[in-house]
Amino acid sequence: MANIIVVFPKLEDAKSIRNILTRNGFNVTAVCTTGAQALNYTEELGDGIVVCGYKFADMHYSVLHDYLPEGFQMLLVASRQYWGECTADDLVCVSMPLKLHDLIDTLTMMEEALARRRRKRKAQPKQRSEEDKEIIVRAKETLMERNNMTEQEAHRYIQKCSMDSGTNMVETAYMILEIMKQ
C-alpha cells in the first residue's frame, strides 16, 4: 500500500479528499496545506504519491514536483486550463470539478505502478563495491589455500555460512579472514 500525502491550500479541501480516499481503501499518511510540510513528510517516507492542488501558500505545484524524492509521484488536481503547463512526464493530472471515480481509478493505477517499481527494485541484485569484492576474493583465496578447496567450493562455503548466520557475504568473508589470521 502506497503512502499518500494530500496537499491543498485549504485544510477543509485536504481533509475532504483524505476522507474520500480513506473510505475507498487508500492509506493517507499526511494532510498538508503547504509544500514545505509535504516535503518534510516525503523525507521520512521511502516512496508514495502526493495528491495536490495547483498552488499553495508557499509554492507552486511545479516547485514541489521538482523537490520530490525519487520514489514519489504526483497527482495534480486542477482545472484543465492549467494542464498546458504540466510538462513533466511523470506528472498525472485529474480535472476539476473532481469526479470521484476518476480520482479513485487514477490513484489505483498509480499505486499499482509504484508497487511494480518496488518489486522490480527488490528483484535487482545489490551491486558490491570493489572493496567488498576484494574481501570476498581474499576470503576465498584463504579458504582455497588453507583448506584445499576449489574456488567454487570456497564460494559455496562462504554463501552457506552467510545464510546460516544471517549475515551478508561480505561480513561473512570478513569474519573468515579474521578467524584465519589467528
Protein backbone atom coordinates (compact mmCIF):
# COMPACT_ATOMS: atom_id res chain seq x y z
CA MET A 1 0.00 0.00 0.00
CA ALA A 2 1.41 3.36 -1.04
CA ASN A 3 1.89 6.30 1.29
CA ILE A 4 -0.34 9.13 0.15
CA ILE A 5 0.22 12.75 1.11
CA VAL A 6 -2.66 15.16 0.43
CA VAL A 7 -1.65 18.80 -0.10
CA PHE A 8 -4.20 21.58 -0.68
CA PRO A 9 -4.08 25.25 0.36
CA LYS A 10 -7.37 24.96 2.27
CA LEU A 11 -7.33 22.48 5.13
CA GLU A 12 -11.05 21.67 4.62
CA ASP A 13 -10.38 20.63 1.00
CA ALA A 14 -7.42 18.48 2.03
CA LYS A 15 -9.42 16.76 4.77
CA SER A 16 -12.36 16.05 2.46
CA ILE A 17 -10.02 14.48 -0.12
CA ARG A 18 -8.40 12.45 2.68
CA ASN A 19 -11.83 11.23 3.84
CA ILE A 20 -12.78 10.20 0.30
CA LEU A 21 -9.53 8.29 -0.13
CA THR A 22 -9.67 6.51 3.23
CA ARG A 23 -13.27 5.47 2.61
CA ASN A 24 -12.07 3.90 -0.65
CA GLY A 25 -9.26 1.93 0.98
CA PHE A 26 -6.23 4.16 0.47
CA ASN A 27 -3.61 4.82 3.13
CA VAL A 28 -3.40 8.60 3.62
CA THR A 29 -0.25 9.27 5.62
CA ALA A 30 -0.46 13.05 5.91
CA VAL A 31 -2.65 16.07 5.19
CA CYS A 32 -0.80 19.33 4.50
CA THR A 33 -1.56 22.91 3.50
CA THR A 34 1.93 23.90 2.32
CA GLY A 35 4.54 22.38 0.07
CA ALA A 36 7.17 22.58 2.80
CA GLN A 37 5.07 20.36 5.09
CA ALA A 38 4.67 17.84 2.29
CA LEU A 39 8.42 17.78 1.63
CA ASN A 40 9.07 17.12 5.32
CA TYR A 41 6.82 14.05 5.16
CA THR A 42 8.42 12.80 1.94
CA GLU A 43 11.83 12.80 3.62
CA GLU A 44 10.51 10.40 6.27
CA LEU A 45 8.86 8.04 3.76
CA GLY A 46 10.62 5.98 1.11
CA ASP A 47 8.11 6.40 -1.66
CA GLY A 48 4.49 7.31 -2.28
CA ILE A 49 2.05 9.59 -4.04
CA VAL A 50 1.44 13.29 -3.47
CA VAL A 51 -2.12 14.35 -4.29
CA CYS A 52 -2.15 18.12 -4.57
CA GLY A 53 -3.76 21.25 -5.89
CA TYR A 54 -2.26 23.79 -8.26
CA LYS A 55 -0.91 26.40 -5.84
CA PHE A 56 -0.12 26.55 -2.13
CA ALA A 57 0.70 29.42 0.21
CA ASP A 58 4.45 28.84 -0.08
CA MET A 59 4.98 27.41 -3.56
CA HIS A 60 3.57 26.29 -6.89
CA TYR A 61 2.94 22.59 -7.63
CA SER A 62 5.86 22.52 -10.12
CA VAL A 63 8.33 23.57 -7.41
CA LEU A 64 7.03 20.83 -5.14
CA HIS A 65 7.30 18.35 -8.01
CA ASP A 66 10.92 19.32 -8.65
CA TYR A 67 11.85 18.77 -4.98
CA LEU A 68 10.09 15.42 -4.54
CA PRO A 69 12.44 12.50 -3.80
CA GLU A 70 12.90 9.86 -6.48
CA GLY A 71 10.31 7.36 -5.18
CA PHE A 72 7.41 9.83 -5.22
CA GLN A 73 4.80 10.51 -7.87
CA MET A 74 2.47 13.49 -8.08
CA LEU A 75 -1.24 13.59 -8.88
CA LEU A 76 -2.28 17.15 -9.70
CA VAL A 77 -5.93 18.02 -9.13
CA ALA A 78 -6.54 21.17 -11.19
CA SER A 79 -8.83 22.62 -13.83
CA ARG A 80 -7.97 21.81 -17.45
CA GLN A 81 -6.75 25.34 -18.16
CA TYR A 82 -3.60 24.59 -16.12
CA TRP A 83 -2.83 21.28 -17.82
CA GLY A 84 -0.91 23.00 -20.61
CA GLU A 85 1.73 23.96 -18.07
CA CYS A 86 2.16 20.34 -16.97
CA THR A 87 5.27 19.41 -18.92
CA ALA A 88 6.74 16.73 -16.64
CA ASP A 89 6.43 13.18 -17.97
CA ASP A 90 5.77 11.63 -14.58
CA LEU A 91 3.03 14.10 -13.55
CA VAL A 92 -0.53 12.77 -13.61
CA CYS A 93 -3.48 15.17 -13.75
CA VAL A 94 -7.14 14.87 -12.77
CA SER A 95 -9.54 17.61 -13.78
CA MET A 96 -11.67 19.85 -11.60
CA PRO A 97 -14.56 19.61 -10.89
CA LEU A 98 -13.44 16.35 -9.38
CA LYS A 99 -15.20 13.14 -10.33
CA LEU A 100 -14.87 10.51 -7.62
CA HIS A 101 -14.34 7.54 -9.94
CA ASP A 102 -11.64 9.41 -11.92
CA LEU A 103 -9.71 10.14 -8.74
CA ILE A 104 -10.03 6.58 -7.40
CA ASP A 105 -9.16 4.93 -10.73
CA THR A 106 -6.16 7.17 -11.28
CA LEU A 107 -4.81 6.63 -7.76
CA THR A 108 -5.29 2.87 -8.11
CA MET A 109 -3.31 2.91 -11.35
CA MET A 110 -0.53 4.98 -9.76
CA GLU A 111 -0.41 2.73 -6.70
CA GLU A 112 -0.06 -0.38 -8.88
CA ALA A 113 2.77 1.24 -10.86
CA LEU A 114 4.51 2.12 -7.60
CA ALA A 115 4.16 -1.48 -6.38
CA ARG A 116 5.61 -2.77 -9.68
CA ARG A 117 8.61 -0.45 -9.32
CA ARG A 118 9.13 -1.63 -5.73
CA ARG A 119 9.09 -5.29 -6.82
CA LYS A 120 11.47 -4.56 -9.69
CA ARG A 121 13.85 -2.72 -7.37
CA LYS A 122 13.83 -5.62 -4.88
CA ALA A 123 14.45 -8.17 -7.63
CA GLN A 124 17.66 -6.47 -8.76
CA PRO A 125 20.77 -7.78 -7.06
CA LYS A 126 22.65 -5.26 -4.98
CA GLN A 127 25.90 -4.08 -6.51
CA ARG A 128 29.01 -4.68 -4.44
CA SER A 129 31.79 -2.15 -4.20
CA GLU A 130 35.30 -3.04 -5.31
CA GLU A 131 36.38 -3.22 -1.66
CA ASP A 132 33.61 -5.71 -0.87
CA LYS A 133 34.52 -7.85 -3.88
CA GLU A 134 38.17 -7.80 -2.80
CA ILE A 135 37.28 -9.00 0.72
CA ILE A 136 35.29 -11.92 -0.72
CA VAL A 137 38.11 -12.83 -3.11
CA ARG A 138 40.69 -12.75 -0.29
CA ALA A 139 38.46 -14.96 1.89
CA LYS A 140 38.06 -17.44 -0.97
CA GLU A 141 41.81 -17.46 -1.60
CA THR A 142 42.44 -18.07 2.09
CA LEU A 143 39.98 -20.97 2.17
CA MET A 144 41.46 -22.43 -1.02
CA GLU A 145 44.99 -22.20 0.36
CA ARG A 146 44.37 -23.49 3.90
CA ASN A 147 41.57 -26.00 3.29
CA ASN A 148 42.50 -27.20 -0.19
CA MET A 149 39.16 -26.08 -1.65
CA THR A 150 38.40 -25.16 -5.22
CA GLU A 151 37.27 -21.61 -5.94
CA GLN A 152 33.70 -22.83 -6.36
CA GLU A 153 33.77 -24.78 -3.09
CA ALA A 154 35.13 -21.75 -1.23
CA HIS A 155 32.40 -19.55 -2.70
CA ARG A 156 29.70 -22.02 -1.71
CA TYR A 157 31.18 -22.31 1.79
CA ILE A 158 31.03 -18.51 2.25
CA GLN A 159 27.47 -18.47 0.88
CA LYS A 160 26.34 -21.24 3.22
CA CYS A 161 27.96 -19.64 6.27
CA SER A 162 26.38 -16.36 5.29
CA MET A 163 22.91 -17.90 5.05
CA ASP A 164 23.33 -19.89 8.26
CA SER A 165 24.46 -16.89 10.29
CA GLY A 166 22.03 -14.40 8.71
CA THR A 167 24.77 -12.02 7.61
CA ASN A 168 25.68 -10.89 4.12
CA MET A 169 28.57 -12.46 2.21
CA VAL A 170 30.93 -9.54 2.79
CA GLU A 171 30.53 -9.73 6.58
CA THR A 172 30.98 -13.49 6.47
CA ALA A 173 34.11 -13.17 4.31
CA TYR A 174 35.48 -10.58 6.74
CA MET A 175 34.81 -12.93 9.69
CA ILE A 176 36.57 -15.78 7.87
CA LEU A 177 39.59 -13.57 7.27
CA GLU A 178 39.66 -12.54 10.94
CA ILE A 179 39.41 -16.14 12.14
CA MET A 180 42.09 -17.35 9.73
CA LYS A 181 44.55 -14.68 10.97
CA GLN A 182 44.92 -16.46 14.31
